[in-house]
Amino acid sequence: ADVDRAADILVRLRLKGISTAIDDFGTGYSSLAALGRLPFGELKIDQSFVRTCHSDPDMRKIVEACIGLGKAFGMKVVAEGIDNPEALALLRKAGCEIGQGNWFSPALDIERVSAWIEISSGAIRKPRVA
């Protein structure tokens, strides 16, 4: 409700090296006005647009427009709810830099997160055979 106070707090956080994200962009309290008035470092596109962007031309247009807006304001763009390789391919082609969703991993409890990180780290560090 107090945009000036919010902007002041976000600027102070940014000066301390803390970046903030506008979450669930396109729904609820996130709005276009927030992009221009508040210094966010990251825009997270809501999963309700991302989940069907590969098969629904209207959702594709919304996702591509959100990516363009985020980039126009110098933000990192994150797509929430990537659940299939088709959506991932479309988002990459549209210039989305970061993604999250079940295609990468379902929600995990702390024990399973540790195991997943260990397995993922090993896969990344495996030397390639020429």
Protein backbone atom coordinates (compact mmCIF):
# COMPACT_ATOMS: atom_id res chain seq x y z
CA ALA A 1 0.00 0.00 0.00
CA ASP A 2 2.91 2.38 0.73
CA VAL A 3 4.91 2.25 -2.49
CA ASP A 4 7.35 4.99 -1.43
CA ARG A 5 8.26 3.11 1.75
CA ALA A 6 8.57 -0.17 -0.14
CA ALA A 7 10.84 1.48 -2.73
CA ASP A 8 13.03 2.94 0.02
CA ILE A 9 13.41 -0.46 1.69
CA LEU A 10 14.19 -2.20 -1.62
CA VAL A 11 16.80 0.43 -2.53
CA ARG A 12 18.47 0.00 0.87
CA LEU A 13 18.54 -3.76 0.40
CA ARG A 14 20.05 -3.38 -3.07
CA LEU A 15 22.75 -1.07 -1.70
CA LYS A 16 23.66 -3.85 0.75
CA GLY A 17 23.96 -6.30 -2.14
CA ILE A 18 20.62 -8.02 -1.57
CA SER A 19 18.52 -8.53 -4.67
CA THR A 20 14.76 -9.03 -4.53
CA ALA A 21 12.27 -10.70 -6.85
CA ILE A 22 8.73 -9.90 -7.91
CA ASP A 23 7.09 -13.30 -7.47
CA ASP A 24 4.08 -14.78 -9.30
CA PHE A 25 4.25 -12.00 -11.90
CA GLY A 26 0.95 -11.49 -13.67
CA THR A 27 -1.23 -12.57 -10.75
CA GLY A 28 -2.36 -11.26 -7.36
CA TYR A 29 -0.56 -8.19 -6.11
CA SER A 30 2.22 -8.18 -8.69
CA SER A 31 1.58 -5.61 -11.38
CA LEU A 32 3.07 -3.68 -14.24
CA ALA A 33 3.25 -0.58 -12.03
CA ALA A 34 5.54 -2.46 -9.63
CA LEU A 35 8.08 -3.00 -12.43
CA GLY A 36 8.49 0.70 -13.04
CA ARG A 37 8.28 1.89 -9.45
CA LEU A 38 10.16 -0.70 -7.42
CA PRO A 39 13.80 -1.82 -7.90
CA PHE A 40 13.44 -5.58 -8.22
CA GLY A 41 16.35 -7.63 -9.55
CA GLU A 42 14.33 -10.60 -10.68
CA LEU A 43 10.94 -11.25 -12.27
CA LYS A 44 9.34 -14.65 -11.66
CA ILE A 45 6.68 -15.55 -14.22
CA ASP A 46 3.77 -17.31 -12.55
CA GLN A 47 3.37 -21.01 -13.28
CA SER A 48 -0.22 -20.52 -14.41
CA PHE A 49 1.18 -18.99 -17.62
CA VAL A 50 4.22 -21.25 -17.97
CA ARG A 51 2.57 -24.68 -17.57
CA THR A 52 0.74 -24.52 -20.91
CA CYS A 53 2.84 -21.98 -22.83
CA HIS A 54 4.07 -24.71 -25.19
CA SER A 55 0.53 -25.68 -26.25
CA ASP A 56 -1.54 -22.51 -25.77
CA PRO A 57 -0.69 -19.62 -28.13
CA ASP A 58 -2.19 -17.04 -25.75
CA MET A 59 -0.10 -18.26 -22.81
CA ARG A 60 2.95 -18.25 -25.08
CA LYS A 61 2.33 -14.57 -25.89
CA ILE A 62 1.96 -13.71 -22.19
CA VAL A 63 5.17 -15.56 -21.28
CA GLU A 64 7.14 -13.95 -24.12
CA ALA A 65 5.81 -10.51 -23.13
CA CYS A 66 6.79 -11.09 -19.48
CA ILE A 67 10.30 -12.11 -20.55
CA GLY A 68 10.56 -8.97 -22.66
CA LEU A 69 9.37 -6.76 -19.80
CA GLY A 70 11.80 -8.27 -17.34
CA LYS A 71 14.70 -7.82 -19.73
CA ALA A 72 13.62 -4.25 -20.56
CA PHE A 73 13.91 -3.43 -16.85
CA GLY A 74 17.27 -5.18 -16.52
CA MET A 75 15.95 -8.06 -14.44
CA LYS A 76 16.79 -11.75 -14.39
CA VAL A 77 13.73 -13.67 -15.58
CA VAL A 78 12.63 -16.90 -13.89
CA ALA A 79 9.89 -19.18 -15.22
CA GLU A 80 7.99 -21.09 -12.53
CA GLY A 81 6.24 -24.38 -13.25
CA ILE A 82 8.34 -25.90 -16.04
CA ASP A 83 6.95 -29.42 -16.22
CA ASN A 84 7.97 -30.67 -19.66
CA PRO A 85 10.77 -30.35 -22.23
CA GLU A 86 8.53 -28.50 -24.72
CA ALA A 87 7.93 -25.64 -22.29
CA LEU A 88 11.65 -25.56 -21.44
CA ALA A 89 12.60 -25.32 -25.12
CA LEU A 90 10.10 -22.52 -25.75
CA LEU A 91 11.31 -20.56 -22.72
CA ARG A 92 14.96 -20.93 -23.71
CA LYS A 93 14.18 -19.76 -27.24
CA ALA A 94 12.28 -16.76 -25.84
CA GLY A 95 15.32 -15.76 -23.76
CA CYS A 96 14.34 -16.92 -20.28
CA GLU A 97 17.49 -17.40 -18.21
CA ILE A 98 16.30 -19.40 -15.20
CA GLY A 99 13.63 -22.02 -14.67
CA GLN A 100 12.12 -24.06 -11.91
CA GLY A 101 9.58 -26.84 -11.88
CA ASN A 102 8.92 -30.55 -11.81
CA TRP A 103 10.84 -31.11 -15.04
CA PHE A 104 13.99 -30.46 -12.99
CA SER A 105 12.80 -31.93 -9.68
CA PRO A 106 9.61 -32.19 -7.63
CA ALA A 107 9.46 -30.51 -4.22
CA LEU A 108 11.80 -32.36 -1.85
CA ASP A 109 12.17 -32.57 1.91
CA ILE A 110 15.57 -31.68 3.40
CA GLU A 111 16.93 -35.24 3.38
CA ARG A 112 16.03 -35.76 -0.26
CA VAL A 113 17.44 -32.34 -1.21
CA SER A 114 20.83 -33.31 0.22
CA ALA A 115 20.84 -36.56 -1.76
CA TRP A 116 19.68 -34.79 -4.93
CA ILE A 117 22.46 -32.17 -4.63
CA GLU A 118 25.06 -34.87 -4.05
CA ILE A 119 23.90 -36.85 -7.09
CA SER A 120 23.62 -33.72 -9.25
CA SER A 121 27.06 -32.49 -8.20
CA GLY A 122 28.61 -35.83 -9.08
CA ALA A 123 26.97 -35.80 -12.50
CA ILE A 124 28.25 -32.30 -13.16
CA ARG A 125 31.79 -33.08 -12.01
CA LYS A 126 32.17 -36.36 -13.90
CA PRO A 127 35.09 -36.05 -16.29
CA ARG A 128 34.29 -36.43 -19.95
CA VAL A 129 35.93 -39.19 -21.89
CA ALA A 130 37.33 -37.93 -25.17
